[in-house]
Amino acid sequence: MWSFEVKPGSIEAFERAYGPAGDWARLFRKAPGYKGTEVLQDVDTAGRYLTIDRWASREDFWRLREAFRAEYMALDARCETLTRSEQFVGDFETKES
């Protein structure tokens, strides 16, 4: 899970890049274990977002990072221009009752 503060004027580009059908999701779909992306927009603070990328396991994500390292880093650098801040919130697991 990541938290972002998006620059004014970059919201549409951010949503296209980070959304469920966006650039990140297209990259993630190249790897086994990717289960989808969700983007949450703060209702009180303009430009504030959370992204949730779901994976079968943390290891699946790290394998993607290694297998597509150059593509991952290039996309990260390009998307960095859209935000004022980006903060890793953490890795979370869904608990079944």
Protein backbone atom coordinates (compact mmCIF):
# COMPACT_ATOMS: atom_id res chain seq x y z
CA MET A 1 0.00 0.00 0.00
CA TRP A 2 1.29 3.44 -0.96
CA SER A 3 0.16 6.98 -0.15
CA PHE A 4 0.57 9.78 -2.70
CA GLU A 5 0.13 13.53 -2.81
CA VAL A 6 -0.47 14.31 -6.48
CA LYS A 7 0.63 17.61 -8.00
CA PRO A 8 -2.14 19.94 -9.16
CA GLY A 9 -2.71 19.42 -12.86
CA SER A 10 -1.43 15.82 -12.73
CA ILE A 11 -4.48 14.07 -11.29
CA GLU A 12 -5.77 12.64 -14.59
CA ALA A 13 -2.31 11.38 -15.56
CA PHE A 14 -1.83 9.89 -12.09
CA GLU A 15 -5.16 8.06 -12.24
CA ARG A 16 -4.31 6.72 -15.71
CA ALA A 17 -0.89 5.49 -14.58
CA TYR A 18 -1.90 4.02 -11.22
CA GLY A 19 -5.46 2.87 -11.90
CA PRO A 20 -6.61 -0.76 -12.31
CA ALA A 21 -6.02 -0.61 -16.08
CA GLY A 22 -3.05 1.77 -15.89
CA ASP A 23 0.65 1.56 -16.64
CA TRP A 24 1.54 -0.09 -13.34
CA ALA A 25 -1.19 -2.71 -13.64
CA ARG A 26 -0.08 -3.54 -17.19
CA LEU A 27 3.46 -4.10 -15.93
CA PHE A 28 2.27 -6.15 -12.95
CA ARG A 29 0.09 -8.37 -15.20
CA LYS A 30 3.29 -9.67 -16.81
CA ALA A 31 4.07 -11.60 -13.62
CA PRO A 32 2.37 -14.56 -11.93
CA GLY A 33 0.59 -13.81 -8.68
CA TYR A 34 -0.76 -10.34 -9.52
CA LYS A 35 -4.39 -10.08 -8.38
CA GLY A 36 -5.30 -6.46 -9.13
CA THR A 37 -4.98 -2.83 -8.15
CA GLU A 38 -7.30 -0.49 -6.29
CA VAL A 39 -6.96 3.29 -6.08
CA LEU A 40 -8.57 5.22 -3.24
CA GLN A 41 -9.05 8.99 -3.45
CA ASP A 42 -9.27 11.00 -0.23
CA VAL A 43 -12.70 12.67 -0.11
CA ASP A 44 -11.47 15.55 2.05
CA THR A 45 -8.01 16.29 0.66
CA ALA A 46 -7.66 17.00 -3.06
CA GLY A 47 -4.81 15.11 -4.68
CA ARG A 48 -4.35 12.58 -1.87
CA TYR A 49 -4.52 8.90 -2.87
CA LEU A 50 -3.83 5.41 -1.59
CA THR A 51 -2.98 2.56 -3.94
CA ILE A 52 -3.42 -1.10 -3.10
CA ASP A 53 -1.73 -3.67 -5.33
CA ARG A 54 -2.83 -7.20 -4.53
CA TRP A 55 -0.48 -10.14 -4.94
CA ALA A 56 -0.77 -13.83 -4.10
CA SER A 57 2.41 -13.37 -2.05
CA ARG A 58 5.02 -10.76 -1.28
CA GLU A 59 7.54 -12.98 -3.06
CA ASP A 60 5.54 -12.75 -6.30
CA PHE A 61 5.93 -8.97 -6.21
CA TRP A 62 9.67 -9.16 -5.55
CA ARG A 63 10.11 -11.63 -8.41
CA LEU A 64 8.33 -9.13 -10.69
CA ARG A 65 10.69 -6.37 -9.52
CA GLU A 66 13.72 -8.48 -10.39
CA ALA A 67 12.41 -9.87 -13.69
CA PHE A 68 11.30 -6.45 -14.99
CA ARG A 69 13.74 -4.25 -13.09
CA ALA A 70 14.58 -1.83 -15.92
CA GLU A 71 10.94 -1.39 -16.93
CA TYR A 72 9.91 -0.95 -13.28
CA MET A 73 12.57 1.69 -12.62
CA ALA A 74 11.76 3.62 -15.82
CA LEU A 75 8.05 3.69 -14.99
CA ASP A 76 8.78 4.73 -11.41
CA ALA A 77 10.97 7.62 -12.63
CA ARG A 78 8.32 8.76 -15.12
CA CYS A 79 5.52 8.64 -12.53
CA GLU A 80 7.62 10.44 -9.93
CA THR A 81 6.99 13.66 -11.88
CA LEU A 82 3.25 13.40 -11.11
CA THR A 83 3.54 13.58 -7.32
CA ARG A 84 4.74 15.85 -4.56
CA SER A 85 5.22 12.93 -2.21
CA GLU A 86 5.07 9.16 -2.19
CA GLN A 87 5.18 7.08 0.97
CA PHE A 88 5.21 3.33 1.46
CA VAL A 89 2.45 2.53 3.97
CA GLY A 90 3.24 -1.17 4.34
CA ASP A 91 2.59 -4.73 3.25
CA PHE A 92 -0.73 -6.08 4.50
CA GLU A 93 -2.46 -9.46 4.35
CA THR A 94 -6.15 -10.22 4.08
CA LYS A 95 -7.31 -12.26 7.06
CA GLU A 96 -10.01 -14.83 6.58
CA SER A 97 -12.46 -15.37 9.45
